[in-house]
Structure formats: C-alpha cells, structure tokens
Amino acid sequence: MTEETVVDKKKKTFFHHDSKLYRDEHRAALLMIVLPVIGFTVFTLLPLIYSIFASFTNWNGLGEMTFTGWRNFQLMIKDNYFWQTLGNTFYLMLGIPIGLILSFLLASALSRGLKGTTFFRVIYYIPVISSLAAIAIMWQWAYNGDYGLVNQVLALVGIKGPNWLQNVHTVKPAIIAMSVWKGLGYSMLLYLAAIQSVPKSFYEAADLDGANAFQKFKNITWPMCRPVTFFLIITNVIGGSQIFTEINIMTPTGGPEYSSATIVWYIWQKAFKNFQMGYASAMSMILGILIFIITALQFYVNRKSDYKLS
C-alpha cells in the first residue's frame, strides 16, 4: 500500500459522516443557516403573509379584522390619489438615468489618474454615507424661497428663484436633483472600479487596429461596464419605487396639490394616519407586484441583449 493511499484513507475516515469533526462542522453550519432563516421568517415572510391576508380585510391595525374580499382593490382603482402618487413615483425615477450618466462621466474623468483623484472620490462619496434625514433637512433649507442657498446663488446672476418645494412645477425636479446628488458617489465608485478593471491590453490592441476614442468606448469600455449598469438600474428602480424619507421631511403634506407625494408615502398616510391598514396592505401588494414585474422585465431585456452580443 502506497503512502498516498494511506493518506487518502485517513482523510476519508477523518471526514466520514460518523466522525466527530464531521458532526461538529454540520452543527456549526446548521447554526449559521438557522439564524438568518429565523430572521427572514420572523421579519419578512410572516409579515408578508399577514399583509396579504390583511389586504382583503377592513382593519385599522388594532381592532378586529373584517373580511371584505376584493373591496380594497376595487376602491384602489377609483382612488385618484393612488394613481397620482404612483405617477409621481415613476416621474421621480427620471433621476435614475441622469444619475447614471453623470456618475459614469465622473468615473471616466477620475480614471485618468489626474491629481486630486482621491480627494474627489471622498467628496463625492460623503453624501452616500450621510444620514438621509439630515440631507433632506439640509436641502429643504437650501430650497427655501426666501433665504435658501439655491435662490441666493441664482440672485447673483439676476435670476429670482421660486419657492421650490411649494411650487407644483418645481417640487419634483428639486427632489430629483437632491436624489441624484445623494447617490452620485456610490454609482461613480462602482463605475470607476469597472473602468479600472478593464485590461490595458484591450486598449493597446484597439490602438494597433486604428480605433478612435468613440470606438474604444463603444466596443471595450461600455461592454465591460454593462454588468455594473444593470446592477445599478435594478437597485435604483427598487429603491426609487420606495422613496419615502425625502418626501416626508421636505414636503410633509405631499407637496402642493399632492404633486410630490409618492406611493409609499401615501401607503404610510393611509396606514398610520388614517388607520386604514387593510387598504394600505392592498396598495403594498400592488406595489410589490409592479416592482417584481419591472425587475423581471429588466432581467429579460439584459439576458436578451447578452445573447445578441454573444
């Protein structure tokens, strides 16, 4: 019997399912798995099942539930505020492509090895790690029509700015600008990592073939950044559909004529202000289904485009 055979037999005995080490490892692995499963079950799965049942009831959150069938969903179809807040939510998502374009341009500039690159990385990332509530309060002050910083800057060039958060036509663009500024640093760092991970040999080969800057961007840089773009679109759409804190702080009444109220803010109003927990649960179900459909479509489109590229 060779020495390798003896070692293999010892390994098999050592890791056999009857060995103490094998049993200890399995106990440790089960312990690591059980805790997240319990957390998911208690804080996600059970509330989800409960809210699905609540969406078919008339319930104030404390008293007895009264089963009403599809009544909440029928009321939703006739609720103009539901459709308006849903439209406002999708309108605010216009900031997603704007933010991605700006972050990609910034990442491209910072990837050139210019002086002060590290400083600008830190500056752009500070809003990402800052408290969202504090940022919303700061921008609420900046958008003030009387003494806000934005109007003070505009006054220097002879422009009289509006009361941004109290104007139907400016409140949504103002919130979009704040949201883009808040998430710019995160997207920029991901794009920067993607750009810097592209092998230099690709660009050298392109130079030998006589490719210009646009051709190198189209055939090398952008394809290498597509996975990051896909990830950012998915996460931004999911996050954008649940925007709440900025609205609740900057426009606590939903803005003039409900022009800045989002669907999650409206759900919160119905649930914890009007104590219509059943109706709020029904709207939550519809929002969850819409997010699932949009995400699934994005995965489908991305898979189809990957197939075409291959």
C-alpha atoms as a PDB file:
ATOM      1  CA  MET A   1       0.000   0.000   0.000  1.00  0.00           C
ATOM      2  CA  THR A   2       1.461   3.316  -1.042  1.00  0.00           C
ATOM      3  CA  GLU A   3       1.817   6.334   1.223  1.00  0.00           C
ATOM      4  CA  GLU A   4      -0.752   8.293  -0.855  1.00  0.00           C
ATOM      5  CA  THR A   5      -3.339   5.501  -0.369  1.00  0.00           C
ATOM      6  CA  VAL A   6      -2.817   5.593   3.399  1.00  0.00           C
ATOM      7  CA  VAL A   7      -3.250   9.371   3.453  1.00  0.00           C
ATOM      8  CA  ASP A   8      -6.446   9.134   1.360  1.00  0.00           C
ATOM      9  CA  LYS A   9      -7.886   6.527   3.742  1.00  0.00           C
ATOM     10  CA  LYS A  10      -7.068   8.709   6.741  1.00  0.00           C
ATOM     11  CA  LYS A  11      -8.798  11.658   5.066  1.00  0.00           C
ATOM     12  CA  LYS A  12     -11.904   9.608   4.336  1.00  0.00           C
ATOM     13  CA  THR A  13     -12.000   8.372   7.952  1.00  0.00           C
ATOM     14  CA  PHE A  14     -11.374  11.893   9.262  1.00  0.00           C
ATOM     15  CA  PHE A  15     -14.226  13.432   7.237  1.00  0.00           C
ATOM     16  CA  HIS A  16     -16.597  10.453   7.391  1.00  0.00           C
ATOM     17  CA  HIS A  17     -20.187  11.308   8.326  1.00  0.00           C
ATOM     18  CA  ASP A  18     -19.819   9.320  11.569  1.00  0.00           C
ATOM     19  CA  SER A  19     -16.711  11.226  12.678  1.00  0.00           C
ATOM     20  CA  LYS A  20     -16.931  13.838  15.441  1.00  0.00           C
ATOM     21  CA  LEU A  21     -15.373  16.548  13.278  1.00  0.00           C
ATOM     22  CA  TYR A  22     -17.962  15.945  10.551  1.00  0.00           C
ATOM     23  CA  ARG A  23     -20.829  16.188  13.061  1.00  0.00           C
ATOM     24  CA  ASP A  24     -19.366  19.335  14.673  1.00  0.00           C
ATOM     25  CA  GLU A  25     -18.973  21.018  11.303  1.00  0.00           C
ATOM     26  CA  HIS A  26     -22.558  20.203  10.386  1.00  0.00           C
ATOM     27  CA  ARG A  27     -23.849  21.584  13.681  1.00  0.00           C
ATOM     28  CA  ALA A  28     -21.889  24.804  13.134  1.00  0.00           C
ATOM     29  CA  ALA A  29     -23.146  25.056   9.550  1.00  0.00           C
ATOM     30  CA  LEU A  30     -26.758  24.492  10.626  1.00  0.00           C
ATOM     31  CA  LEU A  31     -26.374  27.137  13.322  1.00  0.00           C
ATOM     32  CA  MET A  32     -25.103  29.632  10.751  1.00  0.00           C
ATOM     33  CA  ILE A  33     -28.013  28.807   8.449  1.00  0.00           C
ATOM     34  CA  VAL A  34     -30.755  28.705  11.080  1.00  0.00           C
ATOM     35  CA  LEU A  35     -30.243  32.240  12.397  1.00  0.00           C
ATOM     36  CA  PRO A  36     -30.736  34.017   9.018  1.00  0.00           C
ATOM     37  CA  VAL A  37     -33.659  31.710   8.208  1.00  0.00           C
ATOM     38  CA  ILE A  38     -35.337  32.567  11.518  1.00  0.00           C
ATOM     39  CA  GLY A  39     -34.722  36.285  10.907  1.00  0.00           C
ATOM     40  CA  PHE A  40     -36.145  36.065   7.390  1.00  0.00           C
ATOM     41  CA  THR A  41     -39.175  34.099   8.589  1.00  0.00           C
ATOM     42  CA  VAL A  42     -39.991  36.380  11.532  1.00  0.00           C
ATOM     43  CA  PHE A  43     -39.268  39.758   9.944  1.00  0.00           C
ATOM     44  CA  THR A  44     -40.069  39.138   6.259  1.00  0.00           C
ATOM     45  CA  LEU A  45     -42.049  36.003   5.419  1.00  0.00           C
ATOM     46  CA  LEU A  46     -44.637  36.108   8.229  1.00  0.00           C
ATOM     47  CA  PRO A  47     -45.310  39.879   7.838  1.00  0.00           C
ATOM     48  CA  LEU A  48     -45.671  39.327   4.078  1.00  0.00           C
ATOM     49  CA  ILE A  49     -48.224  36.548   4.550  1.00  0.00           C
ATOM     50  CA  TYR A  50     -50.038  38.597   7.187  1.00  0.00           C
ATOM     51  CA  SER A  51     -50.165  41.684   4.950  1.00  0.00           C
ATOM     52  CA  ILE A  52     -51.517  39.594   2.039  1.00  0.00           C
ATOM     53  CA  PHE A  53     -54.357  38.433   4.274  1.00  0.00           C
ATOM     54  CA  ALA A  54     -54.860  41.981   5.642  1.00  0.00           C
ATOM     55  CA  SER A  55     -55.225  43.357   2.102  1.00  0.00           C
ATOM     56  CA  PHE A  56     -58.554  41.501   1.857  1.00  0.00           C
ATOM     57  CA  THR A  57     -59.896  42.947   5.110  1.00  0.00           C
ATOM     58  CA  ASN A  58     -61.156  46.134   6.670  1.00  0.00           C
ATOM     59  CA  TRP A  59     -58.721  46.623   9.530  1.00  0.00           C
ATOM     60  CA  ASN A  60     -57.495  49.614  11.497  1.00  0.00           C
ATOM     61  CA  GLY A  61     -54.327  47.902  12.702  1.00  0.00           C
ATOM     62  CA  LEU A  62     -55.560  47.200  16.230  1.00  0.00           C
ATOM     63  CA  GLY A  63     -59.166  46.014  16.203  1.00  0.00           C
ATOM     64  CA  GLU A  64     -60.841  43.018  14.678  1.00  0.00           C
ATOM     65  CA  MET A  65     -60.334  42.227  11.007  1.00  0.00           C
ATOM     66  CA  THR A  66     -63.412  42.150   8.794  1.00  0.00           C
ATOM     67  CA  PHE A  67     -63.006  40.174   5.591  1.00  0.00           C
ATOM     68  CA  THR A  68     -64.103  42.292   2.618  1.00  0.00           C
ATOM     69  CA  GLY A  69     -62.806  40.292  -0.341  1.00  0.00           C
ATOM     70  CA  TRP A  70     -61.680  42.420  -3.296  1.00  0.00           C
ATOM     71  CA  ARG A  71     -63.219  45.631  -1.984  1.00  0.00           C
ATOM     72  CA  ASN A  72     -59.857  47.299  -1.195  1.00  0.00           C
ATOM     73  CA  PHE A  73     -58.626  46.665  -4.713  1.00  0.00           C
ATOM     74  CA  GLN A  74     -61.867  47.963  -6.190  1.00  0.00           C
ATOM     75  CA  LEU A  75     -61.534  51.149  -4.135  1.00  0.00           C
ATOM     76  CA  MET A  76     -57.947  51.466  -5.318  1.00  0.00           C
ATOM     77  CA  ILE A  77     -58.983  51.552  -8.963  1.00  0.00           C
ATOM     78  CA  LYS A  78     -61.272  54.525  -8.235  1.00  0.00           C
ATOM     79  CA  ASP A  79     -58.756  56.293  -5.945  1.00  0.00           C
ATOM     80  CA  ASN A  80     -57.327  59.248  -7.879  1.00  0.00           C
ATOM     81  CA  TYR A  81     -54.687  59.866  -5.205  1.00  0.00           C
ATOM     82  CA  PHE A  82     -53.385  56.310  -5.656  1.00  0.00           C
ATOM     83  CA  TRP A  83     -52.839  56.852  -9.381  1.00  0.00           C
ATOM     84  CA  GLN A  84     -51.381  60.324  -8.835  1.00  0.00           C
ATOM     85  CA  THR A  85     -48.857  59.140  -6.233  1.00  0.00           C
ATOM     86  CA  LEU A  86     -47.944  56.165  -8.427  1.00  0.00           C
ATOM     87  CA  GLY A  87     -47.347  58.554 -11.332  1.00  0.00           C
ATOM     88  CA  ASN A  88     -45.262  60.849  -9.108  1.00  0.00           C
ATOM     89  CA  THR A  89     -43.134  57.861  -8.091  1.00  0.00           C
ATOM     90  CA  PHE A  90     -42.364  56.954 -11.701  1.00  0.00           C
ATOM     91  CA  TYR A  91     -41.711  60.620 -12.515  1.00  0.00           C
ATOM     92  CA  LEU A  92     -39.098  60.838  -9.767  1.00  0.00           C
ATOM     93  CA  MET A  93     -37.357  57.820 -11.315  1.00  0.00           C
ATOM     94  CA  LEU A  94     -36.310  60.072 -14.199  1.00  0.00           C
ATOM     95  CA  GLY A  95     -33.355  60.901 -11.977  1.00  0.00           C
ATOM     96  CA  ILE A  96     -32.011  57.341 -12.395  1.00  0.00           C
ATOM     97  CA  PRO A  97     -30.676  57.704 -15.979  1.00  0.00           C
ATOM     98  CA  ILE A  98     -29.479  61.240 -15.179  1.00  0.00           C
ATOM     99  CA  GLY A  99     -27.536  59.979 -12.173  1.00  0.00           C
ATOM    100  CA  LEU A 100     -26.044  57.040 -14.088  1.00  0.00           C
ATOM    101  CA  ILE A 101     -24.836  59.249 -16.933  1.00  0.00           C
ATOM    102  CA  LEU A 102     -23.275  61.799 -14.572  1.00  0.00           C
ATOM    103  CA  SER A 103     -21.639  59.122 -12.412  1.00  0.00           C
ATOM    104  CA  PHE A 104     -20.198  57.395 -15.482  1.00  0.00           C
ATOM    105  CA  LEU A 105     -18.751  60.685 -16.759  1.00  0.00           C
ATOM    106  CA  LEU A 106     -17.229  61.413 -13.352  1.00  0.00           C
ATOM    107  CA  ALA A 107     -15.775  57.910 -13.130  1.00  0.00           C
ATOM    108  CA  SER A 108     -14.274  58.297 -16.606  1.00  0.00           C
ATOM    109  CA  ALA A 109     -12.657  61.578 -15.580  1.00  0.00           C
ATOM    110  CA  LEU A 110     -11.308  60.201 -12.294  1.00  0.00           C
ATOM    111  CA  SER A 111      -9.903  57.083 -14.006  1.00  0.00           C
ATOM    112  CA  ARG A 112      -7.386  59.183 -15.950  1.00  0.00           C
ATOM    113  CA  GLY A 113      -5.050  59.456 -12.982  1.00  0.00           C
ATOM    114  CA  LEU A 114      -5.379  63.226 -12.522  1.00  0.00           C
ATOM    115  CA  LYS A 115      -4.113  64.966  -9.396  1.00  0.00           C
ATOM    116  CA  GLY A 116      -6.578  65.098  -6.525  1.00  0.00           C
ATOM    117  CA  THR A 117      -8.467  61.978  -7.628  1.00  0.00           C
ATOM    118  CA  THR A 118      -8.582  60.526  -4.102  1.00  0.00           C
ATOM    119  CA  PHE A 119      -9.852  63.842  -2.703  1.00  0.00           C
ATOM    120  CA  PHE A 120     -12.720  63.977  -5.193  1.00  0.00           C
ATOM    121  CA  ARG A 121     -13.616  60.355  -4.534  1.00  0.00           C
ATOM    122  CA  VAL A 122     -14.049  61.171  -0.854  1.00  0.00           C
ATOM    123  CA  ILE A 123     -16.003  64.363  -1.554  1.00  0.00           C
ATOM    124  CA  TYR A 124     -18.443  62.634  -3.895  1.00  0.00           C
ATOM    125  CA  TYR A 125     -18.920  59.697  -1.509  1.00  0.00           C
ATOM    126  CA  ILE A 126     -19.681  61.757   1.612  1.00  0.00           C
ATOM    127  CA  PRO A 127     -23.408  62.180   0.745  1.00  0.00           C
ATOM    128  CA  VAL A 128     -23.748  58.400   0.350  1.00  0.00           C
ATOM    129  CA  ILE A 129     -22.699  57.677   3.936  1.00  0.00           C
ATOM    130  CA  SER A 130     -24.501  60.698   5.385  1.00  0.00           C
ATOM    131  CA  SER A 131     -27.873  60.454   7.108  1.00  0.00           C
ATOM    132  CA  LEU A 132     -30.705  60.700   4.604  1.00  0.00           C
ATOM    133  CA  ALA A 133     -32.828  62.631   7.100  1.00  0.00           C
ATOM    134  CA  ALA A 134     -30.033  65.167   7.682  1.00  0.00           C
ATOM    135  CA  ILE A 135     -29.527  65.579   3.931  1.00  0.00           C
ATOM    136  CA  ALA A 136     -33.263  66.080   3.376  1.00  0.00           C
ATOM    137  CA  ILE A 137     -33.338  68.799   6.068  1.00  0.00           C
ATOM    138  CA  MET A 138     -30.293  70.486   4.529  1.00  0.00           C
ATOM    139  CA  TRP A 139     -31.840  70.526   1.048  1.00  0.00           C
ATOM    140  CA  GLN A 140     -35.156  71.700   2.472  1.00  0.00           C
ATOM    141  CA  TRP A 141     -33.314  74.745   3.781  1.00  0.00           C
ATOM    142  CA  ALA A 142     -31.409  75.184   0.508  1.00  0.00           C
ATOM    143  CA  TYR A 143     -34.672  75.197  -1.470  1.00  0.00           C
ATOM    144  CA  ASN A 144     -36.363  77.765   0.767  1.00  0.00           C
ATOM    145  CA  GLY A 145     -37.909  80.506  -1.365  1.00  0.00           C
ATOM    146  CA  ASP A 146     -36.904  83.378   0.943  1.00  0.00           C
ATOM    147  CA  TYR A 147     -33.421  82.620   2.247  1.00  0.00           C
ATOM    148  CA  GLY A 148     -32.411  79.337   0.599  1.00  0.00           C
ATOM    149  CA  LEU A 149     -28.911  78.862  -0.760  1.00  0.00           C
ATOM    150  CA  VAL A 150     -30.158  77.893  -4.236  1.00  0.00           C
ATOM    151  CA  ASN A 151     -32.059  81.158  -4.695  1.00  0.00           C
ATOM    152  CA  GLN A 152     -29.160  83.138  -3.232  1.00  0.00           C
ATOM    153  CA  VAL A 153     -26.862  81.710  -5.906  1.00  0.00           C
ATOM    154  CA  LEU A 154     -29.436  82.419  -8.621  1.00  0.00           C
ATOM    155  CA  ALA A 155     -29.795  86.001  -7.362  1.00  0.00           C
ATOM    156  CA  LEU A 156     -26.087  86.576  -8.048  1.00  0.00           C
ATOM    157  CA  VAL A 157     -26.808  86.208 -11.770  1.00  0.00           C
ATOM    158  CA  GLY A 158     -30.030  88.190 -11.639  1.00  0.00           C
ATOM    159  CA  ILE A 159     -32.491  85.278 -11.507  1.00  0.00           C
ATOM    160  CA  LYS A 160     -35.329  85.269  -8.996  1.00  0.00           C
ATOM    161  CA  GLY A 161     -35.823  81.691  -7.958  1.00  0.00           C
ATOM    162  CA  PRO A 162     -39.185  80.182  -6.992  1.00  0.00           C
ATOM    163  CA  ASN A 163     -40.198  78.590  -3.714  1.00  0.00           C
ATOM    164  CA  TRP A 164     -39.002  75.242  -4.989  1.00  0.00           C
ATOM    165  CA  LEU A 165     -40.851  72.879  -2.645  1.00  0.00           C
ATOM    166  CA  GLN A 166     -44.119  74.845  -2.697  1.00  0.00           C
ATOM    167  CA  ASN A 167     -44.439  75.090  -6.460  1.00  0.00           C
ATOM    168  CA  VAL A 168     -46.260  72.376  -8.430  1.00  0.00           C
ATOM    169  CA  HIS A 169     -43.880  72.707 -11.382  1.00  0.00           C
ATOM    170  CA  THR A 170     -40.577  72.728  -9.448  1.00  0.00           C
ATOM    171  CA  VAL A 171     -41.062  70.400  -6.477  1.00  0.00           C
ATOM    172  CA  LYS A 172     -40.431  67.140  -8.365  1.00  0.00           C
ATOM    173  CA  PRO A 173     -37.355  68.411 -10.292  1.00  0.00           C
ATOM    174  CA  ALA A 174     -35.991  69.717  -6.972  1.00  0.00           C
ATOM    175  CA  ILE A 175     -36.359  66.318  -5.320  1.00  0.00           C
ATOM    176  CA  ILE A 176     -34.829  64.613  -8.370  1.00  0.00           C
ATOM    177  CA  ALA A 177     -31.778  66.915  -8.169  1.00  0.00           C
ATOM    178  CA  MET A 178     -31.322  66.074  -4.489  1.00  0.00           C
ATOM    179  CA  SER A 179     -31.682  62.321  -5.129  1.00  0.00           C
ATOM    180  CA  VAL A 180     -29.145  62.416  -7.969  1.00  0.00           C
ATOM    181  CA  TRP A 181     -26.671  64.313  -5.771  1.00  0.00           C
ATOM    182  CA  LYS A 182     -27.192  61.818  -2.920  1.00  0.00           C
ATOM    183  CA  GLY A 183     -26.479  58.698  -4.976  1.00  0.00           C
ATOM    184  CA  LEU A 184     -23.817  60.046  -7.317  1.00  0.00           C
ATOM    185  CA  GLY A 185     -20.824  58.895  -5.286  1.00  0.00           C
ATOM    186  CA  TYR A 186     -21.957  55.273  -4.956  1.00  0.00           C
ATOM    187  CA  SER A 187     -22.603  54.809  -8.684  1.00  0.00           C
ATOM    188  CA  MET A 188     -19.390  56.646  -9.514  1.00  0.00           C
ATOM    189  CA  LEU A 189     -17.243  54.302  -7.400  1.00  0.00           C
ATOM    190  CA  LEU A 190     -18.780  51.208  -8.993  1.00  0.00           C
ATOM    191  CA  TYR A 191     -18.209  52.594 -12.476  1.00  0.00           C
ATOM    192  CA  LEU A 192     -14.682  53.611 -11.526  1.00  0.00           C
ATOM    193  CA  ALA A 193     -13.905  50.080 -10.351  1.00  0.00           C
ATOM    194  CA  ALA A 194     -15.330  48.663 -13.591  1.00  0.00           C
ATOM    195  CA  ILE A 195     -13.357  51.045 -15.800  1.00  0.00           C
ATOM    196  CA  GLN A 196     -10.086  50.422 -13.956  1.00  0.00           C
ATOM    197  CA  SER A 197     -10.577  46.652 -14.181  1.00  0.00           C
ATOM    198  CA  VAL A 198     -10.505  46.719 -17.996  1.00  0.00           C
ATOM    199  CA  PRO A 199      -7.162  45.218 -19.114  1.00  0.00           C
ATOM    200  CA  LYS A 200      -4.917  47.804 -20.768  1.00  0.00           C
ATOM    201  CA  SER A 201      -4.049  45.249 -23.426  1.00  0.00           C
ATOM    202  CA  PHE A 202      -7.566  45.713 -24.861  1.00  0.00           C
ATOM    203  CA  TYR A 203      -6.927  49.398 -25.489  1.00  0.00           C
ATOM    204  CA  GLU A 204      -3.430  48.701 -26.811  1.00  0.00           C
ATOM    205  CA  ALA A 205      -4.844  46.208 -29.310  1.00  0.00           C
ATOM    206  CA  ALA A 206      -7.502  48.743 -30.316  1.00  0.00           C
ATOM    207  CA  ASP A 207      -4.800  51.384 -30.874  1.00  0.00           C
ATOM    208  CA  LEU A 208      -2.928  48.997 -33.135  1.00  0.00           C
ATOM    209  CA  ASP A 209      -6.124  48.499 -35.146  1.00  0.00           C
ATOM    210  CA  GLY A 210      -6.505  52.269 -35.501  1.00  0.00           C
ATOM    211  CA  ALA A 211      -9.640  52.583 -33.330  1.00  0.00           C
ATOM    212  CA  ASN A 212     -10.635  56.088 -32.257  1.00  0.00           C
ATOM    213  CA  ALA A 213     -11.849  57.121 -28.792  1.00  0.00           C
ATOM    214  CA  PHE A 214     -15.525  56.546 -29.569  1.00  0.00           C
ATOM    215  CA  GLN A 215     -14.870  53.081 -30.995  1.00  0.00           C
ATOM    216  CA  LYS A 216     -12.868  52.106 -27.911  1.00  0.00           C
ATOM    217  CA  PHE A 217     -15.678  53.348 -25.691  1.00  0.00           C
ATOM    218  CA  LYS A 218     -18.357  51.524 -27.696  1.00  0.00           C
ATOM    219  CA  ASN A 219     -16.532  48.204 -28.071  1.00  0.00           C
ATOM    220  CA  ILE A 220     -14.430  47.996 -24.910  1.00  0.00           C
ATOM    221  CA  THR A 221     -15.336  50.366 -22.073  1.00  0.00           C
ATOM    222  CA  TRP A 222     -19.128  50.224 -22.283  1.00  0.00           C
ATOM    223  CA  PRO A 223     -19.450  46.411 -22.658  1.00  0.00           C
ATOM    224  CA  MET A 224     -17.169  45.971 -19.636  1.00  0.00           C
ATOM    225  CA  CYS A 225     -19.381  48.375 -17.636  1.00  0.00           C
ATOM    226  CA  ARG A 226     -22.706  46.832 -18.648  1.00  0.00           C
ATOM    227  CA  PRO A 227     -22.939  44.479 -15.617  1.00  0.00           C
ATOM    228  CA  VAL A 228     -22.447  47.456 -13.286  1.00  0.00           C
ATOM    229  CA  THR A 229     -25.071  49.443 -15.199  1.00  0.00           C
ATOM    230  CA  PHE A 230     -27.530  46.549 -14.965  1.00  0.00           C
ATOM    231  CA  PHE A 231     -26.948  46.210 -11.222  1.00  0.00           C
ATOM    232  CA  LEU A 232     -27.385  49.958 -10.652  1.00  0.00           C
ATOM    233  CA  ILE A 233     -30.588  50.110 -12.708  1.00  0.00           C
ATOM    234  CA  ILE A 234     -32.114  47.206 -10.773  1.00  0.00           C
ATOM    235  CA  THR A 235     -31.222  48.574  -7.337  1.00  0.00           C
ATOM    236  CA  ASN A 236     -32.117  52.160  -8.207  1.00  0.00           C
ATOM    237  CA  VAL A 237     -35.527  51.199  -9.580  1.00  0.00           C
ATOM    238  CA  ILE A 238     -36.295  49.129  -6.488  1.00  0.00           C
ATOM    239  CA  GLY A 239     -35.082  51.932  -4.208  1.00  0.00           C
ATOM    240  CA  GLY A 240     -36.761  54.659  -6.257  1.00  0.00           C
ATOM    241  CA  SER A 241     -40.125  52.934  -6.096  1.00  0.00           C
ATOM    242  CA  GLN A 242     -39.898  53.041  -2.283  1.00  0.00           C
ATOM    243  CA  ILE A 243     -38.822  56.661  -1.840  1.00  0.00           C
ATOM    244  CA  PHE A 244     -40.300  57.997   1.398  1.00  0.00           C
ATOM    245  CA  THR A 245     -37.937  59.807   3.774  1.00  0.00           C
ATOM    246  CA  GLU A 246     -37.155  62.698   1.439  1.00  0.00           C
ATOM    247  CA  ILE A 247     -40.843  63.298   0.749  1.00  0.00           C
ATOM    248  CA  ASN A 248     -41.910  63.051   4.379  1.00  0.00           C
ATOM    249  CA  ILE A 249     -39.276  65.575   5.511  1.00  0.00           C
ATOM    250  CA  MET A 250     -39.102  68.013   2.612  1.00  0.00           C
ATOM    251  CA  THR A 251     -42.833  68.024   1.775  1.00  0.00           C
ATOM    252  CA  PRO A 252     -44.634  66.545   4.807  1.00  0.00           C
ATOM    253  CA  THR A 253     -48.086  67.276   3.332  1.00  0.00           C
ATOM    254  CA  GLY A 254     -47.289  65.665  -0.013  1.00  0.00           C
ATOM    255  CA  GLY A 255     -46.390  68.941  -1.699  1.00  0.00           C
ATOM    256  CA  PRO A 256     -48.780  71.414  -3.352  1.00  0.00           C
ATOM    257  CA  GLU A 257     -51.747  69.538  -4.808  1.00  0.00           C
ATOM    258  CA  TYR A 258     -50.094  66.227  -3.850  1.00  0.00           C
ATOM    259  CA  SER A 259     -47.504  66.913  -6.545  1.00  0.00           C
ATOM    260  CA  SER A 260     -44.619  65.276  -4.650  1.00  0.00           C
ATOM    261  CA  ALA A 261     -46.464  62.513  -2.791  1.00  0.00           C
ATOM    262  CA  THR A 262     -45.132  59.056  -3.656  1.00  0.00           C
ATOM    263  CA  ILE A 263     -46.920  55.734  -3.418  1.00  0.00           C
ATOM    264  CA  VAL A 264     -45.020  54.619  -0.291  1.00  0.00           C
ATOM    265  CA  TRP A 265     -45.720  57.968   1.385  1.00  0.00           C
ATOM    266  CA  TYR A 266     -49.421  57.544   0.537  1.00  0.00           C
ATOM    267  CA  ILE A 267     -49.399  53.977   1.893  1.00  0.00           C
ATOM    268  CA  TRP A 268     -47.866  55.282   5.108  1.00  0.00           C
ATOM    269  CA  GLN A 269     -50.524  58.002   5.346  1.00  0.00           C
ATOM    270  CA  LYS A 270     -53.339  55.509   4.932  1.00  0.00           C
ATOM    271  CA  ALA A 271     -51.839  53.019   7.379  1.00  0.00           C
ATOM    272  CA  PHE A 272     -50.615  55.203  10.237  1.00  0.00           C
ATOM    273  CA  LYS A 273     -52.540  58.455   9.816  1.00  0.00           C
ATOM    274  CA  ASN A 274     -55.970  57.251   8.688  1.00  0.00           C
ATOM    275  CA  PHE A 275     -55.633  53.778  10.267  1.00  0.00           C
ATOM    276  CA  GLN A 276     -56.750  52.062   7.058  1.00  0.00           C
ATOM    277  CA  MET A 277     -54.290  49.218   7.436  1.00  0.00           C
ATOM    278  CA  GLY A 278     -56.208  46.857   5.167  1.00  0.00           C
ATOM    279  CA  TYR A 279     -56.319  49.356   2.316  1.00  0.00           C
ATOM    280  CA  ALA A 280     -52.633  50.213   2.816  1.00  0.00           C
ATOM    281  CA  SER A 281     -51.765  46.495   2.686  1.00  0.00           C
ATOM    282  CA  ALA A 282     -53.637  46.165  -0.610  1.00  0.00           C
ATOM    283  CA  MET A 283     -51.659  49.050  -2.114  1.00  0.00           C
ATOM    284  CA  SER A 284     -48.452  47.465  -0.830  1.00  0.00           C
ATOM    285  CA  MET A 285     -49.323  44.243  -2.622  1.00  0.00           C
ATOM    286  CA  ILE A 286     -49.858  46.088  -5.908  1.00  0.00           C
ATOM    287  CA  LEU A 287     -46.573  47.968  -5.459  1.00  0.00           C
ATOM    288  CA  GLY A 288     -44.720  44.727  -4.752  1.00  0.00           C
ATOM    289  CA  ILE A 289     -46.185  43.098  -7.868  1.00  0.00           C
ATOM    290  CA  LEU A 290     -45.215  46.105 -10.014  1.00  0.00           C
ATOM    291  CA  ILE A 291     -41.627  46.045  -8.690  1.00  0.00           C
ATOM    292  CA  PHE A 292     -41.418  42.302  -9.384  1.00  0.00           C
ATOM    293  CA  ILE A 293     -42.705  42.729 -12.953  1.00  0.00           C
ATOM    294  CA  ILE A 294     -40.343  45.626 -13.713  1.00  0.00           C
ATOM    295  CA  THR A 295     -37.369  43.735 -12.273  1.00  0.00           C
ATOM    296  CA  ALA A 296     -38.248  40.590 -14.226  1.00  0.00           C
ATOM    297  CA  LEU A 297     -38.509  42.614 -17.452  1.00  0.00           C
ATOM    298  CA  GLN A 298     -35.104  44.145 -16.800  1.00  0.00           C
ATOM    299  CA  PHE A 299     -33.569  40.701 -16.330  1.00  0.00           C
ATOM    300  CA  TYR A 300     -35.245  39.532 -19.541  1.00  0.00           C
ATOM    301  CA  VAL A 301     -34.014  42.518 -21.559  1.00  0.00           C
ATOM    302  CA  ASN A 302     -30.499  42.161 -20.147  1.00  0.00           C
ATOM    303  CA  ARG A 303     -30.389  38.428 -20.941  1.00  0.00           C
ATOM    304  CA  LYS A 304     -31.652  39.092 -24.465  1.00  0.00           C
ATOM    305  CA  SER A 305     -29.039  41.785 -25.086  1.00  0.00           C
ATOM    306  CA  ASP A 306     -26.323  39.476 -23.749  1.00  0.00           C
ATOM    307  CA  TYR A 307     -27.475  36.820 -26.208  1.00  0.00           C
ATOM    308  CA  LYS A 308     -27.239  39.286 -29.106  1.00  0.00           C
ATOM    309  CA  LEU A 309     -23.730  40.339 -28.066  1.00  0.00           C
ATOM    310  CA  SER A 310     -22.588  36.752 -27.932  1.00  0.00           C
END
